[in-house]
C-alpha atoms as a PDB file:
ATOM      1  CA  MET A   1      -2.224  18.071  -7.977  1.00  0.00           C
ATOM      2  CA  GLU A   2      -3.193  19.650 -11.294  1.00  0.00           C
ATOM      3  CA  MET A   3      -2.845  16.270 -12.959  1.00  0.00           C
ATOM      4  CA  ASP A   4      -4.770  14.518 -10.184  1.00  0.00           C
ATOM      5  CA  ALA A   5      -2.007  11.904 -10.068  1.00  0.00           C
ATOM      6  CA  ASP A   6      -2.274   8.938  -7.725  1.00  0.00           C
ATOM      7  CA  LEU A   7       1.375   9.084  -6.674  1.00  0.00           C
ATOM      8  CA  LEU A   8       4.307  11.498  -6.712  1.00  0.00           C
ATOM      9  CA  LEU A   9       7.743   9.941  -7.199  1.00  0.00           C
ATOM     10  CA  ILE A  10      10.199  12.090  -5.225  1.00  0.00           C
ATOM     11  CA  ASP A  11      13.318  11.578  -3.156  1.00  0.00           C
ATOM     12  CA  GLU A  12      14.211  15.074  -1.931  1.00  0.00           C
ATOM     13  CA  ARG A  13      13.440  15.677   1.741  1.00  0.00           C
ATOM     14  CA  ILE A  14      12.002  19.178   1.283  1.00  0.00           C
ATOM     15  CA  GLY A  15       9.805  17.995  -1.576  1.00  0.00           C
ATOM     16  CA  ARG A  16       8.519  15.092   0.522  1.00  0.00           C
ATOM     17  CA  GLU A  17       7.713  17.447   3.379  1.00  0.00           C
ATOM     18  CA  SER A  18       5.795  19.703   0.992  1.00  0.00           C
ATOM     19  CA  ALA A  19       3.920  16.744  -0.477  1.00  0.00           C
ATOM     20  CA  GLN A  20       3.001  15.519   2.987  1.00  0.00           C
ATOM     21  CA  HIS A  21       1.818  18.979   3.987  1.00  0.00           C
ATOM     22  CA  LEU A  22      -0.376  19.129   0.875  1.00  0.00           C
ATOM     23  CA  GLY A  23      -1.741  15.628   1.400  1.00  0.00           C
ATOM     24  CA  VAL A  24      -0.108  14.270  -1.748  1.00  0.00           C
ATOM     25  CA  THR A  25       0.758  10.575  -1.726  1.00  0.00           C
ATOM     26  CA  TYR A  26       4.450  10.114  -2.491  1.00  0.00           C
ATOM     27  CA  MET A  27       7.101   7.451  -2.723  1.00  0.00           C
ATOM     28  CA  GLY A  28      10.853   7.453  -3.297  1.00  0.00           C
ATOM     29  CA  LEU A  29      12.722   5.530  -5.944  1.00  0.00           C
ATOM     30  CA  ILE A  30      13.906   2.891  -3.474  1.00  0.00           C
ATOM     31  CA  GLY A  31      10.331   2.310  -2.300  1.00  0.00           C
ATOM     32  CA  LEU A  32       9.238   1.889  -5.900  1.00  0.00           C
ATOM     33  CA  LEU A  33      12.037  -0.603  -6.547  1.00  0.00           C
ATOM     34  CA  VAL A  34      11.126  -2.551  -3.406  1.00  0.00           C
ATOM     35  CA  GLN A  35       7.544  -2.845  -4.621  1.00  0.00           C
ATOM     36  CA  ALA A  36       8.751  -3.992  -8.045  1.00  0.00           C
ATOM     37  CA  ARG A  37      10.936  -6.659  -6.402  1.00  0.00           C
ATOM     38  CA  GLN A  38       8.115  -7.815  -4.123  1.00  0.00           C
ATOM     39  CA  ARG A  39       5.877  -8.210  -7.176  1.00  0.00           C
ATOM     40  CA  ASP A  40       8.598 -10.195  -8.983  1.00  0.00           C
ATOM     41  CA  LEU A  41       9.033  -7.485 -11.600  1.00  0.00           C
ATOM     42  CA  LEU A  42      12.760  -7.388 -10.739  1.00  0.00           C
ATOM     43  CA  PRO A  43      14.674 -10.652 -10.330  1.00  0.00           C
ATOM     44  CA  GLN A  44      17.087  -9.013  -7.866  1.00  0.00           C
ATOM     45  CA  LEU A  45      17.220  -5.627  -6.181  1.00  0.00           C
ATOM     46  CA  ARG A  46      20.894  -5.570  -5.162  1.00  0.00           C
ATOM     47  CA  PRO A  47      22.317  -5.038  -8.687  1.00  0.00           C
ATOM     48  CA  VAL A  48      19.870  -2.218  -9.342  1.00  0.00           C
ATOM     49  CA  ILE A  49      20.805  -0.433  -6.126  1.00  0.00           C
ATOM     50  CA  GLU A  50      24.510  -0.935  -6.831  1.00  0.00           C
ATOM     51  CA  ALA A  51      24.105   0.507 -10.332  1.00  0.00           C
ATOM     52  CA  LEU A  52      22.223   3.490  -8.936  1.00  0.00           C
ATOM     53  CA  ARG A  53      25.007   4.135  -6.443  1.00  0.00           C
ATOM     54  CA  LEU A  54      28.003   3.509  -8.702  1.00  0.00           C
ATOM     55  CA  GLN A  55      26.822   4.601 -12.136  1.00  0.00           C
ATOM     56  CA  ALA A  56      24.165   7.209 -11.408  1.00  0.00           C
ATOM     57  CA  GLY A  57      25.667   8.690  -8.243  1.00  0.00           C
ATOM     58  CA  PHE A  58      22.465   8.057  -6.278  1.00  0.00           C
ATOM     59  CA  TRP A  59      23.127   8.493  -2.551  1.00  0.00           C
ATOM     60  CA  ILE A  60      21.693   5.876  -0.222  1.00  0.00           C
ATOM     61  CA  SER A  61      23.164   4.954   3.142  1.00  0.00           C
ATOM     62  CA  ASP A  62      24.679   1.525   3.722  1.00  0.00           C
ATOM     63  CA  ALA A  63      22.224   0.997   6.582  1.00  0.00           C
ATOM     64  CA  LEU A  64      19.240   1.663   4.322  1.00  0.00           C
ATOM     65  CA  VAL A  65      20.633  -0.639   1.636  1.00  0.00           C
ATOM     66  CA  GLN A  66      20.972  -3.451   4.174  1.00  0.00           C
ATOM     67  CA  ARG A  67      17.464  -2.867   5.541  1.00  0.00           C
ATOM     68  CA  VAL A  68      15.885  -2.765   2.085  1.00  0.00           C
ATOM     69  CA  LEU A  69      17.682  -5.898   0.917  1.00  0.00           C
ATOM     70  CA  SER A  70      16.706  -7.686   4.110  1.00  0.00           C
ATOM     71  CA  ASP A  71      13.082  -6.632   3.608  1.00  0.00           C
ATOM     72  CA  VAL A  72      13.019  -8.313   0.183  1.00  0.00           C
ATOM     73  CA  GLY A  73      14.965 -11.373   1.317  1.00  0.00           C
ATOM     74  CA  GLU A  74      18.262 -10.657  -0.403  1.00  0.00           C
END
């Protein structure tokens, strides 16, 4: 808010709830990656998600992975 940013990148549930309460526009990492894929800034989303899960320890449910990949046509 102090920076008057257009978007807050955040994945934590409590942080998202706080942002929503304060009227701050936010997006998670997966949402950002989906937008990048839809704009053809990423050739494929699946390898990025797999790397996040396996190499970075990023938790994302199998159901969400399937939905996201379906949304981008992968």
